Amino acid sequence: MIPGTYAYQGYDLMMLFGEALVKYGTYFNDKLASEGFISGKNLSGFNYNGYNSNLFVPLIKVENNNLVIVNKKLGQSK
């Protein structure tokens, strides 16, 4: 069976963060943000320059069998 897109993405992300841990240590996020484009193993690559992937973490709850975001982004209405 041919691996799916998620398998390729997961492998690339695992390699990206593993190599960043080896290169920069535990607190690699600042160095990763200043590094620019990083070539991937199976896909084109990643660019975390100036970004932080966890700026907004949605908290959700189930309400009437629907997922509802409890916390909203700034400037986001309902």
PDB file of N, CA and C in Angstrom:
ATOM      1  N   MET A   1       0.839  -1.178   0.000  1.00  0.00           N
ATOM      2  CA  MET A   1       0.000   0.000   0.000  1.00  0.00           C
ATOM      3  C   MET A   1       0.890   1.250   0.000  1.00  0.00           C
ATOM      4  N   ILE A   2       0.605   2.173  -0.863  1.00  0.00           N
ATOM      5  CA  ILE A   2       1.380   3.414  -0.971  1.00  0.00           C
ATOM      6  C   ILE A   2       1.028   4.329   0.198  1.00  0.00           C
ATOM      7  N   PRO A   3       2.049   4.903   0.870  1.00  0.00           N
ATOM      8  CA  PRO A   3       1.754   5.824   1.983  1.00  0.00           C
ATOM      9  C   PRO A   3       0.963   7.032   1.504  1.00  0.00           C
ATOM     10  N   GLY A   4       0.064   7.510   2.346  1.00  0.00           N
ATOM     11  CA  GLY A   4      -0.751   8.670   2.013  1.00  0.00           C
ATOM     12  C   GLY A   4      -0.026   9.979   2.295  1.00  0.00           C
ATOM     13  N   THR A   5      -0.664  11.067   1.950  1.00  0.00           N
ATOM     14  CA  THR A   5      -0.100  12.401   2.143  1.00  0.00           C
ATOM     15  C   THR A   5       0.219  12.662   3.608  1.00  0.00           C
ATOM     16  N   TYR A   6      -0.660  12.215   4.508  1.00  0.00           N
ATOM     17  CA  TYR A   6      -0.437  12.456   5.931  1.00  0.00           C
ATOM     18  C   TYR A   6       0.812  11.737   6.426  1.00  0.00           C
ATOM     19  N   ALA A   7       1.114  10.575   5.883  1.00  0.00           N
ATOM     20  CA  ALA A   7       2.332   9.856   6.262  1.00  0.00           C
ATOM     21  C   ALA A   7       3.567  10.644   5.823  1.00  0.00           C
ATOM     22  N   TYR A   8       3.546  11.185   4.615  1.00  0.00           N
ATOM     23  CA  TYR A   8       4.659  12.000   4.140  1.00  0.00           C
ATOM     24  C   TYR A   8       4.822  13.264   4.980  1.00  0.00           C
ATOM     25  N   GLN A   9       3.702  13.935   5.270  1.00  0.00           N
ATOM     26  CA  GLN A   9       3.756  15.151   6.076  1.00  0.00           C
ATOM     27  C   GLN A   9       4.260  14.850   7.486  1.00  0.00           C
ATOM     28  N   GLY A  10       3.770  13.771   8.080  1.00  0.00           N
ATOM     29  CA  GLY A  10       4.207  13.393   9.418  1.00  0.00           C
ATOM     30  C   GLY A  10       5.684  13.071   9.463  1.00  0.00           C
ATOM     31  N   TYR A  11       6.179  12.353   8.472  1.00  0.00           N
ATOM     32  CA  TYR A  11       7.604  12.007   8.419  1.00  0.00           C
ATOM     33  C   TYR A  11       8.451  13.266   8.266  1.00  0.00           C
ATOM     34  N   ASP A  12       8.034  14.151   7.356  1.00  0.00           N
ATOM     35  CA  ASP A  12       8.794  15.379   7.149  1.00  0.00           C
ATOM     36  C   ASP A  12       8.821  16.237   8.409  1.00  0.00           C
ATOM     37  N   LEU A  13       7.676  16.368   9.084  1.00  0.00           N
ATOM     38  CA  LEU A  13       7.637  17.160  10.311  1.00  0.00           C
ATOM     39  C   LEU A  13       8.479  16.519  11.414  1.00  0.00           C
ATOM     40  N   MET A  14       8.427  15.189  11.527  1.00  0.00           N
ATOM     41  CA  MET A  14       9.240  14.492  12.519  1.00  0.00           C
ATOM     42  C   MET A  14      10.724  14.755  12.258  1.00  0.00           C
ATOM     43  N   MET A  15      11.147  14.672  11.013  1.00  0.00           N
ATOM     44  CA  MET A  15      12.543  14.919  10.672  1.00  0.00           C
ATOM     45  C   MET A  15      12.922  16.389  10.914  1.00  0.00           C
ATOM     46  N   LEU A  16      12.031  17.316  10.543  1.00  0.00           N
ATOM     47  CA  LEU A  16      12.298  18.735  10.743  1.00  0.00           C
ATOM     48  C   LEU A  16      12.526  19.044  12.221  1.00  0.00           C
ATOM     49  N   PHE A  17      11.603  18.605  13.084  1.00  0.00           N
ATOM     50  CA  PHE A  17      11.720  18.917  14.507  1.00  0.00           C
ATOM     51  C   PHE A  17      12.822  18.105  15.177  1.00  0.00           C
ATOM     52  N   GLY A  18      13.051  16.887  14.735  1.00  0.00           N
ATOM     53  CA  GLY A  18      14.154  16.094  15.265  1.00  0.00           C
ATOM     54  C   GLY A  18      15.497  16.730  14.971  1.00  0.00           C
ATOM     55  N   GLU A  19      15.692  17.174  13.736  1.00  0.00           N
ATOM     56  CA  GLU A  19      16.943  17.834  13.365  1.00  0.00           C
ATOM     57  C   GLU A  19      17.101  19.172  14.081  1.00  0.00           C
ATOM     58  N   ALA A  20      15.984  19.891  14.287  1.00  0.00           N
ATOM     59  CA  ALA A  20      16.043  21.160  15.026  1.00  0.00           C
ATOM     60  C   ALA A  20      16.420  20.926  16.487  1.00  0.00           C
ATOM     61  N   LEU A  21      15.910  19.842  17.074  1.00  0.00           N
ATOM     62  CA  LEU A  21      16.276  19.509  18.455  1.00  0.00           C
ATOM     63  C   LEU A  21      17.765  19.193  18.569  1.00  0.00           C
ATOM     64  N   VAL A  22      18.287  18.456  17.617  1.00  0.00           N
ATOM     65  CA  VAL A  22      19.715  18.111  17.635  1.00  0.00           C
ATOM     66  C   VAL A  22      20.566  19.369  17.435  1.00  0.00           C
ATOM     67  N   LYS A  23      20.155  20.216  16.491  1.00  0.00           N
ATOM     68  CA  LYS A  23      20.946  21.386  16.131  1.00  0.00           C
ATOM     69  C   LYS A  23      20.889  22.504  17.171  1.00  0.00           C
ATOM     70  N   TYR A  24      19.666  22.766  17.718  1.00  0.00           N
ATOM     71  CA  TYR A  24      19.465  23.922  18.592  1.00  0.00           C
ATOM     72  C   TYR A  24      19.145  23.572  20.044  1.00  0.00           C
ATOM     73  N   GLY A  25      18.855  22.338  20.340  1.00  0.00           N
ATOM     74  CA  GLY A  25      18.496  21.962  21.702  1.00  0.00           C
ATOM     75  C   GLY A  25      17.002  22.104  21.954  1.00  0.00           C
ATOM     76  N   THR A  26      16.638  22.044  23.226  1.00  0.00           N
ATOM     77  CA  THR A  26      15.222  22.015  23.618  1.00  0.00           C
ATOM     78  C   THR A  26      14.445  23.253  23.184  1.00  0.00           C
ATOM     79  N   TYR A  27      15.049  24.420  23.304  1.00  0.00           N
ATOM     80  CA  TYR A  27      14.341  25.670  22.981  1.00  0.00           C
ATOM     81  C   TYR A  27      14.680  26.109  21.557  1.00  0.00           C
ATOM     82  N   PHE A  28      14.214  25.315  20.596  1.00  0.00           N
ATOM     83  CA  PHE A  28      14.581  25.537  19.190  1.00  0.00           C
ATOM     84  C   PHE A  28      13.648  26.489  18.462  1.00  0.00           C
ATOM     85  N   ASN A  29      12.499  26.857  19.049  1.00  0.00           N
ATOM     86  CA  ASN A  29      11.491  27.617  18.307  1.00  0.00           C
ATOM     87  C   ASN A  29      11.980  28.987  17.849  1.00  0.00           C
ATOM     88  N   ASP A  30      12.777  29.692  18.658  1.00  0.00           N
ATOM     89  CA  ASP A  30      13.296  30.996  18.220  1.00  0.00           C
ATOM     90  C   ASP A  30      14.265  30.849  17.052  1.00  0.00           C
ATOM     91  N   LYS A  31      15.130  29.864  17.116  1.00  0.00           N
ATOM     92  CA  LYS A  31      16.093  29.636  16.029  1.00  0.00           C
ATOM     93  C   LYS A  31      15.380  29.183  14.766  1.00  0.00           C
ATOM     94  N   LEU A  32      14.340  28.354  14.918  1.00  0.00           N
ATOM     95  CA  LEU A  32      13.589  27.863  13.767  1.00  0.00           C
ATOM     96  C   LEU A  32      12.881  29.017  13.060  1.00  0.00           C
ATOM     97  N   ALA A  33      12.384  29.984  13.834  1.00  0.00           N
ATOM     98  CA  ALA A  33      11.687  31.135  13.251  1.00  0.00           C
ATOM     99  C   ALA A  33      12.625  32.049  12.478  1.00  0.00           C
ATOM    100  N   SER A  34      13.917  32.049  12.824  1.00  0.00           N
ATOM    101  CA  SER A  34      14.863  32.923  12.127  1.00  0.00           C
ATOM    102  C   SER A  34      15.611  32.222  10.995  1.00  0.00           C
ATOM    103  N   GLU A  35      15.412  30.928  10.845  1.00  0.00           N
ATOM    104  CA  GLU A  35      16.182  30.159   9.859  1.00  0.00           C
ATOM    105  C   GLU A  35      15.694  30.328   8.423  1.00  0.00           C
ATOM    106  N   GLY A  36      14.410  30.584   8.210  1.00  0.00           N
ATOM    107  CA  GLY A  36      13.897  30.712   6.853  1.00  0.00           C
ATOM    108  C   GLY A  36      13.450  29.368   6.299  1.00  0.00           C
ATOM    109  N   PHE A  37      13.445  29.231   4.981  1.00  0.00           N
ATOM    110  CA  PHE A  37      12.953  28.019   4.335  1.00  0.00           C
ATOM    111  C   PHE A  37      13.877  26.843   4.621  1.00  0.00           C
ATOM    112  N   ILE A  38      13.262  25.710   5.001  1.00  0.00           N
ATOM    113  CA  ILE A  38      14.005  24.478   5.280  1.00  0.00           C
ATOM    114  C   ILE A  38      13.486  23.411   4.335  1.00  0.00           C
ATOM    115  N   SER A  39      14.364  22.827   3.569  1.00  0.00           N
ATOM    116  CA  SER A  39      13.982  21.803   2.600  1.00  0.00           C
ATOM    117  C   SER A  39      13.475  20.549   3.307  1.00  0.00           C
ATOM    118  N   GLY A  40      12.419  19.932   2.766  1.00  0.00           N
ATOM    119  CA  GLY A  40      11.868  18.717   3.341  1.00  0.00           C
ATOM    120  C   GLY A  40      12.525  17.471   2.778  1.00  0.00           C
ATOM    121  N   LYS A  41      12.197  16.333   3.350  1.00  0.00           N
ATOM    122  CA  LYS A  41      12.741  15.060   2.875  1.00  0.00           C
ATOM    123  C   LYS A  41      11.903  14.516   1.715  1.00  0.00           C
ATOM    124  N   ASN A  42      10.588  14.527   1.854  1.00  0.00           N
ATOM    125  CA  ASN A  42       9.685  14.011   0.817  1.00  0.00           C
ATOM    126  C   ASN A  42       8.880  15.109   0.140  1.00  0.00           C
ATOM    127  N   LEU A  43       8.592  16.174   0.852  1.00  0.00           N
ATOM    128  CA  LEU A  43       7.808  17.288   0.314  1.00  0.00           C
ATOM    129  C   LEU A  43       8.725  18.475   0.077  1.00  0.00           C
ATOM    130  N   SER A  44       8.174  19.582  -0.414  1.00  0.00           N
ATOM    131  CA  SER A  44       9.028  20.717  -0.787  1.00  0.00           C
ATOM    132  C   SER A  44       9.769  21.314   0.400  1.00  0.00           C
ATOM    133  N   GLY A  45       9.123  21.440   1.564  1.00  0.00           N
ATOM    134  CA  GLY A  45       9.808  21.978   2.728  1.00  0.00           C
ATOM    135  C   GLY A  45       8.898  22.838   3.579  1.00  0.00           C
ATOM    136  N   PHE A  46       9.517  23.580   4.500  1.00  0.00           N
ATOM    137  CA  PHE A  46       8.778  24.354   5.486  1.00  0.00           C
ATOM    138  C   PHE A  46       9.387  25.736   5.606  1.00  0.00           C
ATOM    139  N   ASN A  47       8.556  26.705   5.949  1.00  0.00           N
ATOM    140  CA  ASN A  47       9.030  28.056   6.207  1.00  0.00           C
ATOM    141  C   ASN A  47       8.320  28.586   7.444  1.00  0.00           C
ATOM    142  N   TYR A  48       9.008  28.545   8.588  1.00  0.00           N
ATOM    143  CA  TYR A  48       8.447  29.074   9.830  1.00  0.00           C
ATOM    144  C   TYR A  48       9.029  30.444  10.138  1.00  0.00           C
ATOM    145  N   ASN A  49       9.625  31.092   9.157  1.00  0.00           N
ATOM    146  CA  ASN A  49      10.250  32.389   9.360  1.00  0.00           C
ATOM    147  C   ASN A  49       9.203  33.422   9.774  1.00  0.00           C
ATOM    148  N   GLY A  50       9.347  33.946  10.985  1.00  0.00           N
ATOM    149  CA  GLY A  50       8.423  34.971  11.472  1.00  0.00           C
ATOM    150  C   GLY A  50       7.093  34.434  11.953  1.00  0.00           C
ATOM    151  N   TYR A  51       6.911  33.138  12.016  1.00  0.00           N
ATOM    152  CA  TYR A  51       5.639  32.564  12.419  1.00  0.00           C
ATOM    153  C   TYR A  51       5.807  31.688  13.655  1.00  0.00           C
ATOM    154  N   ASN A  52       4.732  31.515  14.358  1.00  0.00           N
ATOM    155  CA  ASN A  52       4.685  30.590  15.478  1.00  0.00           C
ATOM    156  C   ASN A  52       3.410  29.788  15.295  1.00  0.00           C
ATOM    157  N   SER A  53       3.537  28.505  15.128  1.00  0.00           N
ATOM    158  CA  SER A  53       2.391  27.688  14.733  1.00  0.00           C
ATOM    159  C   SER A  53       1.337  27.538  15.818  1.00  0.00           C
ATOM    160  N   ASN A  54       1.632  27.939  17.058  1.00  0.00           N
ATOM    161  CA  ASN A  54       0.639  27.779  18.120  1.00  0.00           C
ATOM    162  C   ASN A  54       0.225  29.115  18.715  1.00  0.00           C
ATOM    163  N   LEU A  55       0.115  30.147  17.878  1.00  0.00           N
ATOM    164  CA  LEU A  55      -0.340  31.437  18.376  1.00  0.00           C
ATOM    165  C   LEU A  55      -1.764  31.363  18.889  1.00  0.00           C
ATOM    166  N   PHE A  56      -2.593  30.557  18.293  1.00  0.00           N
ATOM    167  CA  PHE A  56      -3.975  30.385  18.740  1.00  0.00           C
ATOM    168  C   PHE A  56      -4.261  28.898  18.861  1.00  0.00           C
ATOM    169  N   VAL A  57      -4.597  28.476  20.050  1.00  0.00           N
ATOM    170  CA  VAL A  57      -4.959  27.081  20.289  1.00  0.00           C
ATOM    171  C   VAL A  57      -6.448  27.047  20.614  1.00  0.00           C
ATOM    172  N   PRO A  58      -7.276  26.528  19.713  1.00  0.00           N
ATOM    173  CA  PRO A  58      -8.715  26.527  19.968  1.00  0.00           C
ATOM    174  C   PRO A  58      -9.095  25.525  21.048  1.00  0.00           C
ATOM    175  N   LEU A  59      -9.896  25.977  21.993  1.00  0.00           N
ATOM    176  CA  LEU A  59     -10.479  25.093  23.001  1.00  0.00           C
ATOM    177  C   LEU A  59     -11.902  24.801  22.550  1.00  0.00           C
ATOM    178  N   ILE A  60     -12.247  23.527  22.474  1.00  0.00           N
ATOM    179  CA  ILE A  60     -13.561  23.158  21.952  1.00  0.00           C
ATOM    180  C   ILE A  60     -14.359  22.366  22.983  1.00  0.00           C
ATOM    181  N   LYS A  61     -15.664  22.372  22.795  1.00  0.00           N
ATOM    182  CA  LYS A  61     -16.566  21.557  23.608  1.00  0.00           C
ATOM    183  C   LYS A  61     -17.661  21.035  22.685  1.00  0.00           C
ATOM    184  N   VAL A  62     -18.315  19.994  23.120  1.00  0.00           N
ATOM    185  CA  VAL A  62     -19.436  19.443  22.362  1.00  0.00           C
ATOM    186  C   VAL A  62     -20.715  20.017  22.944  1.00  0.00           C
ATOM    187  N   GLU A  63     -21.501  20.639  22.081  1.00  0.00           N
ATOM    188  CA  GLU A  63     -22.762  21.254  22.489  1.00  0.00           C
ATOM    189  C   GLU A  63     -23.821  20.883  21.463  1.00  0.00           C
ATOM    190  N   ASN A  64     -24.840  20.167  21.881  1.00  0.00           N
ATOM    191  CA  ASN A  64     -25.894  19.694  20.969  1.00  0.00           C
ATOM    192  C   ASN A  64     -25.305  18.913  19.795  1.00  0.00           C
ATOM    193  N   ASN A  65     -24.357  18.017  20.093  1.00  0.00           N
ATOM    194  CA  ASN A  65     -23.681  17.183  19.098  1.00  0.00           C
ATOM    195  C   ASN A  65     -22.908  17.976  18.050  1.00  0.00           C
ATOM    196  N   ASN A  66     -22.509  19.188  18.377  1.00  0.00           N
ATOM    197  CA  ASN A  66     -21.679  20.012  17.503  1.00  0.00           C
ATOM    198  C   ASN A  66     -20.446  20.455  18.270  1.00  0.00           C
ATOM    199  N   LEU A  67     -19.335  20.582  17.556  1.00  0.00           N
ATOM    200  CA  LEU A  67     -18.132  21.124  18.178  1.00  0.00           C
ATOM    201  C   LEU A  67     -18.224  22.641  18.177  1.00  0.00           C
ATOM    202  N   VAL A  68     -18.007  23.245  19.336  1.00  0.00           N
ATOM    203  CA  VAL A  68     -18.097  24.694  19.484  1.00  0.00           C
ATOM    204  C   VAL A  68     -16.761  25.187  20.043  1.00  0.00           C
ATOM    205  N   ILE A  69     -16.200  26.221  19.426  1.00  0.00           N
ATOM    206  CA  ILE A  69     -14.955  26.809  19.924  1.00  0.00           C
ATOM    207  C   ILE A  69     -15.297  27.690  21.123  1.00  0.00           C
ATOM    208  N   VAL A  70     -14.682  27.397  22.258  1.00  0.00           N
ATOM    209  CA  VAL A  70     -14.955  28.115  23.494  1.00  0.00           C
ATOM    210  C   VAL A  70     -14.243  29.470  23.483  1.00  0.00           C
ATOM    211  N   ASN A  71     -12.987  29.501  23.123  1.00  0.00           N
ATOM    212  CA  ASN A  71     -12.242  30.753  23.051  1.00  0.00           C
ATOM    213  C   ASN A  71     -12.201  31.219  21.596  1.00  0.00           C
ATOM    214  N   LYS A  72     -12.344  32.482  21.378  1.00  0.00           N
ATOM    215  CA  LYS A  72     -12.367  33.022  20.017  1.00  0.00           C
ATOM    216  C   LYS A  72     -11.092  33.794  19.745  1.00  0.00           C
ATOM    217  N   LYS A  73     -10.691  33.855  18.473  1.00  0.00           N
ATOM    218  CA  LYS A  73      -9.562  34.691  18.081  1.00  0.00           C
ATOM    219  C   LYS A  73      -9.963  36.148  18.277  1.00  0.00           C
ATOM    220  N   LEU A  74      -8.978  36.998  18.508  1.00  0.00           N
ATOM    221  CA  LEU A  74      -9.265  38.422  18.627  1.00  0.00           C
ATOM    222  C   LEU A  74      -9.858  38.929  17.334  1.00  0.00           C
ATOM    223  N   GLY A  75     -10.927  39.701  17.460  1.00  0.00           N
ATOM    224  CA  GLY A  75     -11.566  40.248  16.277  1.00  0.00           C
ATOM    225  C   GLY A  75     -12.529  39.286  15.600  1.00  0.00           C
ATOM    226  N   GLN A  76     -12.662  38.073  16.109  1.00  0.00           N
ATOM    227  CA  GLN A  76     -13.564  37.095  15.510  1.00  0.00           C
ATOM    228  C   GLN A  76     -14.888  37.132  16.256  1.00  0.00           C
ATOM    229  N   SER A  77     -15.964  37.250  15.532  1.00  0.00           N
ATOM    230  CA  SER A  77     -17.276  37.249  16.178  1.00  0.00           C
ATOM    231  C   SER A  77     -17.927  35.888  15.973  1.00  0.00           C
ATOM    232  N   LYS A  78     -18.696  35.479  16.927  1.00  0.00           N
ATOM    233  CA  LYS A  78     -19.451  34.224  16.877  1.00  0.00           C
ATOM    234  C   LYS A  78     -18.894  33.293  15.923  1.00  0.00           C
TER     235      LYS A  78
END
